[in-house]
PDB file of N, CA and C in Angstrom:
ATOM      1  N   MET A   1      -8.837 -14.854 -15.517  1.00  0.00           N
ATOM      2  CA  MET A   1      -7.776 -13.870 -15.512  1.00  0.00           C
ATOM      3  C   MET A   1      -7.954 -12.800 -16.510  1.00  0.00           C
ATOM      4  N   PRO A   2      -7.745 -11.840 -15.666  1.00  0.00           N
ATOM      5  CA  PRO A   2      -8.072 -10.404 -16.111  1.00  0.00           C
ATOM      6  C   PRO A   2      -6.929 -10.286 -17.599  1.00  0.00           C
ATOM      7  N   THR A   3      -7.443  -9.499 -18.438  1.00  0.00           N
ATOM      8  CA  THR A   3      -6.396  -9.168 -19.420  1.00  0.00           C
ATOM      9  C   THR A   3      -5.421  -8.217 -19.068  1.00  0.00           C
ATOM     10  N   ALA A   4      -4.094  -8.326 -19.953  1.00  0.00           N
ATOM     11  CA  ALA A   4      -2.842  -7.723 -19.427  1.00  0.00           C
ATOM     12  C   ALA A   4      -3.342  -6.206 -19.687  1.00  0.00           C
ATOM     13  N   ASP A   5      -4.271  -5.731 -20.575  1.00  0.00           N
ATOM     14  CA  ASP A   5      -4.616  -4.782 -20.627  1.00  0.00           C
ATOM     15  C   ASP A   5      -5.232  -4.054 -19.151  1.00  0.00           C
ATOM     16  N   THR A   6      -6.136  -4.949 -18.748  1.00  0.00           N
ATOM     17  CA  THR A   6      -6.685  -4.569 -17.396  1.00  0.00           C
ATOM     18  C   THR A   6      -5.945  -4.401 -16.406  1.00  0.00           C
ATOM     19  N   VAL A   7      -4.969  -5.423 -16.201  1.00  0.00           N
ATOM     20  CA  VAL A   7      -3.949  -5.064 -15.230  1.00  0.00           C
ATOM     21  C   VAL A   7      -2.902  -4.111 -15.642  1.00  0.00           C
ATOM     22  N   PHE A   8      -2.600  -3.749 -16.472  1.00  0.00           N
ATOM     23  CA  PHE A   8      -1.815  -2.501 -16.548  1.00  0.00           C
ATOM     24  C   PHE A   8      -2.603  -1.127 -16.509  1.00  0.00           C
ATOM     25  N   LYS A   9      -3.664  -1.197 -16.825  1.00  0.00           N
ATOM     26  CA  LYS A   9      -4.460   0.057 -16.392  1.00  0.00           C
ATOM     27  C   LYS A   9      -4.269  -0.137 -14.916  1.00  0.00           C
ATOM     28  N   ALA A  10      -4.715  -1.083 -14.457  1.00  0.00           N
ATOM     29  CA  ALA A  10      -4.815  -1.045 -13.067  1.00  0.00           C
ATOM     30  C   ALA A  10      -3.599  -0.359 -12.004  1.00  0.00           C
ATOM     31  N   ILE A  11      -2.561  -0.898 -12.638  1.00  0.00           N
ATOM     32  CA  ILE A  11      -1.303  -0.426 -11.878  1.00  0.00           C
ATOM     33  C   ILE A  11      -0.746   1.275 -12.514  1.00  0.00           C
ATOM     34  N   ALA A  12      -1.245   1.814 -13.307  1.00  0.00           N
ATOM     35  CA  ALA A  12      -1.036   2.678 -13.746  1.00  0.00           C
ATOM     36  C   ALA A  12      -0.939   3.797 -13.145  1.00  0.00           C
ATOM     37  N   HIS A  13      -1.793   3.814 -12.204  1.00  0.00           N
ATOM     38  CA  HIS A  13      -1.744   5.160 -11.252  1.00  0.00           C
ATOM     39  C   HIS A  13      -1.235   4.805 -10.194  1.00  0.00           C
ATOM     40  N   PRO A  14      -0.344   5.847  -9.743  1.00  0.00           N
ATOM     41  CA  PRO A  14       0.482   6.005  -8.627  1.00  0.00           C
ATOM     42  C   PRO A  14      -0.199   5.544  -7.161  1.00  0.00           C
ATOM     43  N   ALA A  15      -1.233   5.764  -7.115  1.00  0.00           N
ATOM     44  CA  ALA A  15      -2.039   5.559  -5.840  1.00  0.00           C
ATOM     45  C   ALA A  15      -2.496   4.088  -5.682  1.00  0.00           C
ATOM     46  N   ARG A  16      -2.951   3.690  -7.091  1.00  0.00           N
ATOM     47  CA  ARG A  16      -3.160   2.086  -6.844  1.00  0.00           C
ATOM     48  C   ARG A  16      -2.042   1.280  -6.543  1.00  0.00           C
ATOM     49  N   ARG A  17      -0.711   1.640  -7.439  1.00  0.00           N
ATOM     50  CA  ARG A  17       0.339   0.967  -6.974  1.00  0.00           C
ATOM     51  C   ARG A  17       1.047   1.087  -5.435  1.00  0.00           C
ATOM     52  N   GLU A  18       0.768   2.486  -4.717  1.00  0.00           N
ATOM     53  CA  GLU A  18       0.995   2.447  -3.488  1.00  0.00           C
ATOM     54  C   GLU A  18      -0.158   1.546  -2.685  1.00  0.00           C
ATOM     55  N   ILE A  19      -1.178   1.253  -2.853  1.00  0.00           N
ATOM     56  CA  ILE A  19      -2.425   0.574  -2.385  1.00  0.00           C
ATOM     57  C   ILE A  19      -1.675  -0.917  -2.289  1.00  0.00           C
ATOM     58  N   ILE A  20      -0.989  -1.309  -3.672  1.00  0.00           N
ATOM     59  CA  ILE A  20      -0.547  -2.995  -3.874  1.00  0.00           C
ATOM     60  C   ILE A  20       0.713  -3.051  -2.955  1.00  0.00           C
ATOM     61  N   ALA A  21       1.445  -1.734  -2.783  1.00  0.00           N
ATOM     62  CA  ALA A  21       2.606  -2.132  -2.149  1.00  0.00           C
ATOM     63  C   ALA A  21       2.077  -2.133  -0.248  1.00  0.00           C
ATOM     64  N   LEU A  22       1.251  -1.407  -0.032  1.00  0.00           N
ATOM     65  CA  LEU A  22       0.624  -1.586   1.324  1.00  0.00           C
ATOM     66  C   LEU A  22      -0.024  -2.941   1.423  1.00  0.00           C
ATOM     67  N   LEU A  23      -0.845  -3.314   0.570  1.00  0.00           N
ATOM     68  CA  LEU A  23      -1.483  -4.705   0.549  1.00  0.00           C
ATOM     69  C   LEU A  23      -0.562  -5.710   0.754  1.00  0.00           C
ATOM     70  N   ALA A  24       0.701  -5.659  -0.066  1.00  0.00           N
ATOM     71  CA  ALA A  24       1.879  -6.722  -0.121  1.00  0.00           C
ATOM     72  C   ALA A  24       2.353  -6.958   1.477  1.00  0.00           C
ATOM     73  N   VAL A  25       2.354  -5.814   2.123  1.00  0.00           N
ATOM     74  CA  VAL A  25       2.532  -6.327   3.507  1.00  0.00           C
ATOM     75  C   VAL A  25       1.705  -6.825   4.505  1.00  0.00           C
ATOM     76  N   SER A  26       0.337  -6.230   4.369  1.00  0.00           N
ATOM     77  CA  SER A  26      -0.738  -7.016   5.299  1.00  0.00           C
ATOM     78  C   SER A  26      -2.238  -6.346   4.640  1.00  0.00           C
ATOM     79  N   ALA A  27      -3.111  -7.223   5.019  1.00  0.00           N
ATOM     80  CA  ALA A  27      -4.518  -6.856   4.783  1.00  0.00           C
ATOM     81  C   ALA A  27      -4.753  -5.712   5.218  1.00  0.00           C
ATOM     82  N   ARG A  28      -5.804  -4.907   4.923  1.00  0.00           N
ATOM     83  CA  ARG A  28      -6.348  -3.853   5.402  1.00  0.00           C
ATOM     84  C   ARG A  28      -7.778  -3.353   5.077  1.00  0.00           C
ATOM     85  N   SER A  29      -8.276  -2.797   5.872  1.00  0.00           N
ATOM     86  CA  SER A  29      -9.350  -1.902   5.653  1.00  0.00           C
ATOM     87  C   SER A  29      -9.407  -0.820   4.864  1.00  0.00           C
ATOM     88  N   VAL A  30     -10.702  -0.338   4.215  1.00  0.00           N
ATOM     89  CA  VAL A  30     -10.510   0.935   3.802  1.00  0.00           C
ATOM     90  C   VAL A  30     -10.305   2.075   4.327  1.00  0.00           C
ATOM     91  N   LYS A  31     -10.534   1.941   5.406  1.00  0.00           N
ATOM     92  CA  LYS A  31     -10.257   3.228   6.349  1.00  0.00           C
ATOM     93  C   LYS A  31      -8.800   3.252   6.931  1.00  0.00           C
ATOM     94  N   GLU A  32      -8.227   1.909   7.075  1.00  0.00           N
ATOM     95  CA  GLU A  32      -6.774   2.081   7.281  1.00  0.00           C
ATOM     96  C   GLU A  32      -5.985   2.454   5.947  1.00  0.00           C
ATOM     97  N   LEU A  33      -6.482   1.948   5.160  1.00  0.00           N
ATOM     98  CA  LEU A  33      -5.585   2.341   3.518  1.00  0.00           C
ATOM     99  C   LEU A  33      -5.819   3.832   3.263  1.00  0.00           C
ATOM    100  N   THR A  34      -7.075   4.435   3.614  1.00  0.00           N
ATOM    101  CA  THR A  34      -7.424   6.044   3.621  1.00  0.00           C
ATOM    102  C   THR A  34      -6.307   6.780   4.319  1.00  0.00           C
ATOM    103  N   ALA A  35      -6.142   6.291   5.940  1.00  0.00           N
ATOM    104  CA  ALA A  35      -5.481   7.171   6.568  1.00  0.00           C
ATOM    105  C   ALA A  35      -3.799   7.277   6.129  1.00  0.00           C
ATOM    106  N   GLU A  36      -3.621   6.374   4.945  1.00  0.00           N
ATOM    107  CA  GLU A  36      -2.187   6.773   4.459  1.00  0.00           C
ATOM    108  C   GLU A  36      -2.127   7.313   3.345  1.00  0.00           C
ATOM    109  N   PHE A  37      -3.196   8.135   2.867  1.00  0.00           N
ATOM    110  CA  PHE A  37      -3.312   9.014   1.793  1.00  0.00           C
ATOM    111  C   PHE A  37      -4.014  10.173   2.132  1.00  0.00           C
ATOM    112  N   PRO A  38      -3.622  11.322   1.092  1.00  0.00           N
ATOM    113  CA  PRO A  38      -4.019  12.508   1.183  1.00  0.00           C
ATOM    114  C   PRO A  38      -5.389  12.580   0.301  1.00  0.00           C
ATOM    115  N   ILE A  39      -6.017  11.543   0.255  1.00  0.00           N
ATOM    116  CA  ILE A  39      -7.251  11.580  -0.624  1.00  0.00           C
ATOM    117  C   ILE A  39      -8.223  10.780   0.012  1.00  0.00           C
ATOM    118  N   SER A  40      -9.612  11.143  -0.321  1.00  0.00           N
ATOM    119  CA  SER A  40     -10.743  10.990   0.249  1.00  0.00           C
ATOM    120  C   SER A  40     -11.027   9.282   0.231  1.00  0.00           C
ATOM    121  N   GLN A  41     -11.824   8.952   1.285  1.00  0.00           N
ATOM    122  CA  GLN A  41     -12.275   7.570   1.419  1.00  0.00           C
ATOM    123  C   GLN A  41     -12.943   6.786  -0.080  1.00  0.00           C
ATOM    124  N   PRO A  42     -14.001   7.973  -0.570  1.00  0.00           N
ATOM    125  CA  PRO A  42     -14.561   7.413  -2.009  1.00  0.00           C
ATOM    126  C   PRO A  42     -13.287   7.437  -2.924  1.00  0.00           C
ATOM    127  N   ALA A  43     -12.640   7.993  -2.920  1.00  0.00           N
ATOM    128  CA  ALA A  43     -11.450   7.846  -4.156  1.00  0.00           C
ATOM    129  C   ALA A  43     -10.524   6.735  -3.612  1.00  0.00           C
ATOM    130  N   ILE A  44     -10.354   6.246  -2.712  1.00  0.00           N
ATOM    131  CA  ILE A  44      -9.791   5.098  -2.361  1.00  0.00           C
ATOM    132  C   ILE A  44     -10.595   3.798  -2.609  1.00  0.00           C
ATOM    133  N   SER A  45     -11.967   4.042  -2.447  1.00  0.00           N
ATOM    134  CA  SER A  45     -12.673   2.846  -3.077  1.00  0.00           C
ATOM    135  C   SER A  45     -12.899   2.723  -4.343  1.00  0.00           C
ATOM    136  N   GLN A  46     -12.663   3.819  -5.041  1.00  0.00           N
ATOM    137  CA  GLN A  46     -12.757   3.804  -6.649  1.00  0.00           C
ATOM    138  C   GLN A  46     -11.377   3.180  -6.856  1.00  0.00           C
ATOM    139  N   HIS A  47     -10.203   3.426  -6.290  1.00  0.00           N
ATOM    140  CA  HIS A  47      -8.763   2.740  -6.605  1.00  0.00           C
ATOM    141  C   HIS A  47      -9.079   1.094  -6.516  1.00  0.00           C
ATOM    142  N   LEU A  48      -9.529   1.058  -5.212  1.00  0.00           N
ATOM    143  CA  LEU A  48     -10.012  -0.741  -4.793  1.00  0.00           C
ATOM    144  C   LEU A  48     -10.669  -1.057  -5.856  1.00  0.00           C
ATOM    145  N   ARG A  49     -12.032  -0.577  -6.447  1.00  0.00           N
ATOM    146  CA  ARG A  49     -12.700  -1.063  -7.506  1.00  0.00           C
ATOM    147  C   ARG A  49     -12.112  -1.444  -8.556  1.00  0.00           C
ATOM    148  N   GLU A  50     -10.951  -0.501  -9.199  1.00  0.00           N
ATOM    149  CA  GLU A  50     -10.097  -0.874 -10.484  1.00  0.00           C
ATOM    150  C   GLU A  50      -9.465  -2.090  -9.891  1.00  0.00           C
ATOM    151  N   LEU A  51      -8.547  -1.930  -8.948  1.00  0.00           N
ATOM    152  CA  LEU A  51      -7.943  -3.239  -8.190  1.00  0.00           C
ATOM    153  C   LEU A  51      -8.729  -4.332  -8.521  1.00  0.00           C
ATOM    154  N   LYS A  52      -9.863  -4.534  -7.765  1.00  0.00           N
ATOM    155  CA  LYS A  52     -10.697  -6.000  -7.774  1.00  0.00           C
ATOM    156  C   LYS A  52     -11.114  -6.093  -9.181  1.00  0.00           C
ATOM    157  N   GLU A  53     -11.232  -4.951 -10.415  1.00  0.00           N
ATOM    158  CA  GLU A  53     -11.626  -5.753 -11.433  1.00  0.00           C
ATOM    159  C   GLU A  53     -10.755  -6.488 -12.358  1.00  0.00           C
ATOM    160  N   ALA A  54      -9.273  -6.177 -11.565  1.00  0.00           N
ATOM    161  CA  ALA A  54      -8.293  -6.516 -12.524  1.00  0.00           C
ATOM    162  C   ALA A  54      -7.779  -7.905 -11.569  1.00  0.00           C
ATOM    163  N   ASN A  55      -8.389  -8.095 -10.696  1.00  0.00           N
ATOM    164  CA  ASN A  55      -8.462  -9.684  -9.714  1.00  0.00           C
ATOM    165  C   ASN A  55      -6.653  -9.289  -9.132  1.00  0.00           C
ATOM    166  N   LEU A  56      -6.396  -8.136  -8.933  1.00  0.00           N
ATOM    167  CA  LEU A  56      -5.280  -7.717  -8.159  1.00  0.00           C
ATOM    168  C   LEU A  56      -5.654  -7.694  -6.600  1.00  0.00           C
ATOM    169  N   VAL A  57      -6.636  -7.562  -5.954  1.00  0.00           N
ATOM    170  CA  VAL A  57      -7.337  -7.456  -4.695  1.00  0.00           C
ATOM    171  C   VAL A  57      -8.283  -8.259  -4.438  1.00  0.00           C
ATOM    172  N   ALA A  58      -8.583  -9.035  -3.547  1.00  0.00           N
ATOM    173  CA  ALA A  58      -9.514  -9.419  -2.955  1.00  0.00           C
ATOM    174  C   ALA A  58     -10.326  -9.193  -1.750  1.00  0.00           C
ATOM    175  N   SER A  59     -11.450  -8.907  -1.293  1.00  0.00           N
ATOM    176  CA  SER A  59     -11.882  -8.413  -0.326  1.00  0.00           C
ATOM    177  C   SER A  59     -12.837  -9.777   0.481  1.00  0.00           C
ATOM    178  N   GLU A  60     -12.815  -9.378   1.978  1.00  0.00           N
ATOM    179  CA  GLU A  60     -13.386 -10.240   2.842  1.00  0.00           C
ATOM    180  C   GLU A  60     -13.966  -9.613   3.942  1.00  0.00           C
ATOM    181  N   ARG A  61     -15.157  -9.818   4.285  1.00  0.00           N
ATOM    182  CA  ARG A  61     -15.892  -9.056   5.131  1.00  0.00           C
ATOM    183  C   ARG A  61     -15.636  -9.504   6.780  1.00  0.00           C
ATOM    184  N   VAL A  62     -15.045  -8.552   7.385  1.00  0.00           N
ATOM    185  CA  VAL A  62     -14.428  -9.103   8.919  1.00  0.00           C
ATOM    186  C   VAL A  62     -15.086  -8.334   9.766  1.00  0.00           C
ATOM    187  N   GLY A  63     -16.051  -8.814  10.459  1.00  0.00           N
ATOM    188  CA  GLY A  63     -16.878  -7.958  11.546  1.00  0.00           C
ATOM    189  C   GLY A  63     -17.886  -6.813  10.503  1.00  0.00           C
ATOM    190  N   LEU A  64     -17.618  -5.788  10.850  1.00  0.00           N
ATOM    191  CA  LEU A  64     -18.158  -4.489  10.211  1.00  0.00           C
ATOM    192  C   LEU A  64     -17.384  -4.100   9.011  1.00  0.00           C
ATOM    193  N   GLU A  65     -16.041  -4.539   8.836  1.00  0.00           N
ATOM    194  CA  GLU A  65     -15.325  -3.711   7.772  1.00  0.00           C
ATOM    195  C   GLU A  65     -14.922  -4.788   6.619  1.00  0.00           C
ATOM    196  N   GLN A  66     -14.789  -3.903   5.564  1.00  0.00           N
ATOM    197  CA  GLN A  66     -14.100  -5.072   4.453  1.00  0.00           C
ATOM    198  C   GLN A  66     -13.055  -5.141   4.442  1.00  0.00           C
ATOM    199  N   ARG A  67     -11.937  -5.909   4.554  1.00  0.00           N
ATOM    200  CA  ARG A  67     -10.706  -6.156   4.628  1.00  0.00           C
ATOM    201  C   ARG A  67     -10.022  -6.490   2.762  1.00  0.00           C
ATOM    202  N   TYR A  68      -8.948  -5.843   2.540  1.00  0.00           N
ATOM    203  CA  TYR A  68      -8.540  -6.324   1.097  1.00  0.00           C
ATOM    204  C   TYR A  68      -7.387  -6.675   1.475  1.00  0.00           C
ATOM    205  N   ARG A  69      -6.860  -7.460   0.570  1.00  0.00           N
ATOM    206  CA  ARG A  69      -5.512  -8.234   0.385  1.00  0.00           C
ATOM    207  C   ARG A  69      -5.138  -8.217  -1.109  1.00  0.00           C
ATOM    208  N   LEU A  70      -3.921  -8.305  -0.945  1.00  0.00           N
ATOM    209  CA  LEU A  70      -3.269  -8.673  -2.595  1.00  0.00           C
ATOM    210  C   LEU A  70      -3.618  -9.937  -3.235  1.00  0.00           C
ATOM    211  N   THR A  71      -3.783  -9.895  -4.214  1.00  0.00           N
ATOM    212  CA  THR A  71      -3.994 -11.528  -5.034  1.00  0.00           C
ATOM    213  C   THR A  71      -2.767 -10.972  -5.890  1.00  0.00           C
ATOM    214  N   GLY A  72      -1.491 -11.501  -6.202  1.00  0.00           N
ATOM    215  CA  GLY A  72      -0.523 -10.750  -6.896  1.00  0.00           C
ATOM    216  C   GLY A  72      -0.372 -11.749  -8.222  1.00  0.00           C
ATOM    217  N   ALA A  73      -1.185 -12.938  -8.297  1.00  0.00           N
ATOM    218  CA  ALA A  73      -0.999 -13.546  -9.711  1.00  0.00           C
ATOM    219  C   ALA A  73      -1.066 -12.866 -11.283  1.00  0.00           C
ATOM    220  N   PRO A  74      -2.172 -11.802 -11.229  1.00  0.00           N
ATOM    221  CA  PRO A  74      -2.275 -11.025 -12.099  1.00  0.00           C
ATOM    222  C   PRO A  74      -0.799 -10.030 -12.750  1.00  0.00           C
ATOM    223  N   LEU A  75      -0.148  -9.775 -11.537  1.00  0.00           N
ATOM    224  CA  LEU A  75       1.069  -9.288 -11.834  1.00  0.00           C
ATOM    225  C   LEU A  75       2.432 -10.152 -12.830  1.00  0.00           C
ATOM    226  N   ARG A  76       1.778 -11.613 -13.037  1.00  0.00           N
ATOM    227  CA  ARG A  76       2.810 -12.453 -13.621  1.00  0.00           C
ATOM    228  C   ARG A  76       2.718 -11.823 -15.130  1.00  0.00           C
ATOM    229  N   GLN A  77       1.849 -10.997 -15.729  1.00  0.00           N
ATOM    230  CA  GLN A  77       1.473 -10.729 -16.930  1.00  0.00           C
ATOM    231  C   GLN A  77       2.583  -9.352 -16.956  1.00  0.00           C
ATOM    232  N   VAL A  78       2.459  -8.683 -16.061  1.00  0.00           N
ATOM    233  CA  VAL A  78       3.565  -7.715 -16.222  1.00  0.00           C
ATOM    234  C   VAL A  78       4.748  -8.172 -15.924  1.00  0.00           C
ATOM    235  N   LEU A  79       5.517  -8.864 -15.473  1.00  0.00           N
ATOM    236  CA  LEU A  79       6.609  -9.654 -15.402  1.00  0.00           C
ATOM    237  C   LEU A  79       7.006 -10.401 -16.694  1.00  0.00           C
ATOM    238  N   GLU A  80       6.152 -11.145 -17.199  1.00  0.00           N
ATOM    239  CA  GLU A  80       6.056 -11.688 -18.378  1.00  0.00           C
ATOM    240  C   GLU A  80       6.257 -10.657 -19.532  1.00  0.00           C
ATOM    241  N   TRP A  81       5.536  -9.746 -19.522  1.00  0.00           N
ATOM    242  CA  TRP A  81       5.495  -8.805 -20.747  1.00  0.00           C
ATOM    243  C   TRP A  81       6.790  -7.628 -20.805  1.00  0.00           C
ATOM    244  N   SER A  82       7.554  -7.471 -19.563  1.00  0.00           N
ATOM    245  CA  SER A  82       8.692  -6.995 -19.321  1.00  0.00           C
ATOM    246  C   SER A  82       9.993  -7.604 -19.466  1.00  0.00           C
ATOM    247  N   SER A  83       9.657  -8.974 -19.387  1.00  0.00           N
ATOM    248  CA  SER A  83      10.899  -9.677 -19.368  1.00  0.00           C
ATOM    249  C   SER A  83      11.475  -9.502 -20.971  1.00  0.00           C
ATOM    250  N   GLN A  84      11.014  -9.476 -21.796  1.00  0.00           N
ATOM    251  CA  GLN A  84      11.417  -9.351 -23.021  1.00  0.00           C
ATOM    252  C   GLN A  84      11.945  -8.208 -23.233  1.00  0.00           C
ATOM    253  N   TYR A  85      12.127  -7.169 -22.480  1.00  0.00           N
ATOM    254  CA  TYR A  85      12.878  -6.167 -22.618  1.00  0.00           C
ATOM    255  C   TYR A  85      13.922  -5.875 -21.402  1.00  0.00           C
ATOM    256  N   ARG A  86      14.385  -7.048 -20.754  1.00  0.00           N
ATOM    257  CA  ARG A  86      15.519  -7.019 -20.049  1.00  0.00           C
ATOM    258  C   ARG A  86      16.861  -6.437 -20.161  1.00  0.00           C
ATOM    259  N   ARG A  87      16.884  -7.308 -21.407  1.00  0.00           N
ATOM    260  CA  ARG A  87      18.516  -6.796 -22.162  1.00  0.00           C
ATOM    261  C   ARG A  87      18.567  -5.280 -22.076  1.00  0.00           C
ATOM    262  N   PHE A  88      17.695  -4.469 -22.267  1.00  0.00           N
ATOM    263  CA  PHE A  88      17.765  -3.235 -22.531  1.00  0.00           C
ATOM    264  C   PHE A  88      18.398  -2.422 -20.840  1.00  0.00           C
ATOM    265  N   PHE A  89      17.824  -3.200 -19.454  1.00  0.00           N
ATOM    266  CA  PHE A  89      18.122  -2.726 -18.081  1.00  0.00           C
ATOM    267  C   PHE A  89      19.206  -3.769 -17.659  1.00  0.00           C
ATOM    268  N   ASP A  90      19.197  -4.660 -18.242  1.00  0.00           N
ATOM    269  CA  ASP A  90      19.997  -5.827 -17.445  1.00  0.00           C
ATOM    270  C   ASP A  90      20.785  -6.317 -18.541  1.00  0.00           C
ATOM    271  N   PRO A  91      21.797  -6.102 -19.330  1.00  0.00           N
ATOM    272  CA  PRO A  91      22.359  -6.784 -20.261  1.00  0.00           C
ATOM    273  C   PRO A  91      23.058  -8.003 -19.997  1.00  0.00           C
ATOM    274  N   ALA A  92      23.743  -8.021 -19.043  1.00  0.00           N
ATOM    275  CA  ALA A  92      24.560  -9.288 -18.452  1.00  0.00           C
ATOM    276  C   ALA A  92      23.554 -10.336 -17.589  1.00  0.00           C
ATOM    277  N   GLY A  93      22.270  -9.921 -17.350  1.00  0.00           N
ATOM    278  CA  GLY A  93      21.215 -10.845 -16.800  1.00  0.00           C
ATOM    279  C   GLY A  93      21.591 -10.740 -15.517  1.00  0.00           C
ATOM    280  N   HIS A  94      22.419 -10.071 -14.822  1.00  0.00           N
ATOM    281  CA  HIS A  94      22.545 -10.157 -13.520  1.00  0.00           C
ATOM    282  C   HIS A  94      21.704 -10.225 -12.511  1.00  0.00           C
ATOM    283  N   ALA A  95      20.197  -9.168 -12.644  1.00  0.00           N
ATOM    284  CA  ALA A  95      19.364  -9.207 -11.950  1.00  0.00           C
ATOM    285  C   ALA A  95      18.355 -10.186 -11.914  1.00  0.00           C
ATOM    286  N   TRP A  96      18.677 -10.744 -13.137  1.00  0.00           N
ATOM    287  CA  TRP A  96      17.432 -12.205 -13.257  1.00  0.00           C
ATOM    288  C   TRP A  96      18.127 -13.086 -12.901  1.00  0.00           C
ATOM    289  N   ALA A  97      19.393 -13.086 -12.613  1.00  0.00           N
ATOM    290  CA  ALA A  97      20.100 -14.348 -12.196  1.00  0.00           C
ATOM    291  C   ALA A  97      19.968 -14.095 -10.671  1.00  0.00           C
ATOM    292  N   PHE A  98      20.166 -13.334 -10.204  1.00  0.00           N
ATOM    293  CA  PHE A  98      20.191 -12.878  -8.704  1.00  0.00           C
ATOM    294  C   PHE A  98      19.306 -13.592  -8.128  1.00  0.00           C
ATOM    295  N   THR A  99      18.075 -13.930  -8.569  1.00  0.00           N
ATOM    296  CA  THR A  99      16.843 -14.452  -7.980  1.00  0.00           C
ATOM    297  C   THR A  99      17.102 -15.965  -7.782  1.00  0.00           C
ATOM    298  N   SER A 100      18.052 -16.590  -7.991  1.00  0.00           N
ATOM    299  CA  SER A 100      18.464 -17.922  -8.051  1.00  0.00           C
ATOM    300  C   SER A 100      19.502 -18.003  -7.366  1.00  0.00           C
ATOM    301  N   THR A 101      20.228 -17.110  -6.473  1.00  0.00           N
ATOM    302  CA  THR A 101      21.430 -17.219  -5.600  1.00  0.00           C
ATOM    303  C   THR A 101      21.388 -17.937  -4.469  1.00  0.00           C
ATOM    304  N   PRO A 102      20.254 -18.739  -3.954  1.00  0.00           N
ATOM    305  CA  PRO A 102      20.522 -19.131  -2.616  1.00  0.00           C
ATOM    306  C   PRO A 102      21.537 -20.496  -2.703  1.00  0.00           C
ATOM    307  N   GLY A 103      21.352 -21.071  -3.849  1.00  0.00           N
ATOM    308  CA  GLY A 103      22.249 -21.883  -3.999  1.00  0.00           C
ATOM    309  C   GLY A 103      23.951 -21.667  -4.241  1.00  0.00           C
ATOM    310  N   ARG A 104      23.990 -20.678  -5.175  1.00  0.00           N
ATOM    311  CA  ARG A 104      25.396 -20.104  -4.988  1.00  0.00           C
ATOM    312  C   ARG A 104      25.993 -19.295  -3.790  1.00  0.00           C
ATOM    313  N   THR A 105      24.933 -19.002  -2.833  1.00  0.00           N
ATOM    314  CA  THR A 105      25.428 -18.382  -1.743  1.00  0.00           C
ATOM    315  C   THR A 105      25.969 -19.394  -0.800  1.00  0.00           C
ATOM    316  N   LYS A 106      25.399 -20.416  -0.779  1.00  0.00           N
ATOM    317  CA  LYS A 106      25.913 -21.515  -0.207  1.00  0.00           C
ATOM    318  C   LYS A 106      27.486 -22.155  -0.289  1.00  0.00           C
ATOM    319  N   ALA A 107      27.197 -22.411  -1.977  1.00  0.00           N
ATOM    320  CA  ALA A 107      28.276 -22.707  -2.359  1.00  0.00           C
ATOM    321  C   ALA A 107      29.743 -21.784  -2.377  1.00  0.00           C
ATOM    322  N   LYS A 108      29.426 -20.514  -2.293  1.00  0.00           N
ATOM    323  CA  LYS A 108      30.261 -19.645  -2.002  1.00  0.00           C
ATOM    324  C   LYS A 108      31.097 -19.417  -0.682  1.00  0.00           C
ATOM    325  N   GLU A 109      29.902 -19.546   0.165  1.00  0.00           N
ATOM    326  CA  GLU A 109      30.389 -19.680   1.848  1.00  0.00           C
ATOM    327  C   GLU A 109      31.227 -20.982   1.940  1.00  0.00           C
ATOM    328  N   LYS A 110      30.916 -22.149   1.511  1.00  0.00           N
ATOM    329  CA  LYS A 110      31.462 -23.506   1.432  1.00  0.00           C
ATOM    330  C   LYS A 110      32.977 -23.268   1.168  1.00  0.00           C
ATOM    331  N   HIS A 111      33.153 -22.521   0.161  1.00  0.00           N
ATOM    332  CA  HIS A 111      34.490 -22.228  -0.655  1.00  0.00           C
ATOM    333  C   HIS A 111      35.255 -20.934  -0.144  1.00  0.00           C
ATOM    334  N   GLY A 112      34.580 -20.162   0.930  1.00  0.00           N
ATOM    335  CA  GLY A 112      35.232 -18.882   1.301  1.00  0.00           C
ATOM    336  C   GLY A 112      35.124 -18.162   0.222  1.00  0.00           C
ATOM    337  N   ARG A 113      34.302 -18.261  -0.746  1.00  0.00           N
ATOM    338  CA  ARG A 113      34.453 -16.701  -1.466  1.00  0.00           C
ATOM    339  C   ARG A 113      33.053 -15.706  -1.346  1.00  0.00           C
TER     340      ARG A 113
END
């Protein structure tokens, strides 16, 4: 597992965060990723190298191209670090409690609330 510093460094650049967002939807080749940005293919490849060093992406050769996919496990370090500050942006805990609402939603529907 990469260090938290490696993960934070990898997500610090806006282009790398956008690459993460794109790969969260589906695996893509360097060519497909380059088409989404106003920067060169070598620049995209460098960003992918940084993300790979942080274990945020993995690649697999498919035919003639390298396909990249998100491996989000290292992002847990970001969530764990930021959770200590949640009281500043969510004092009542609503956003964090919201993730466990499926059971509450069913109960609300059952009681008409």
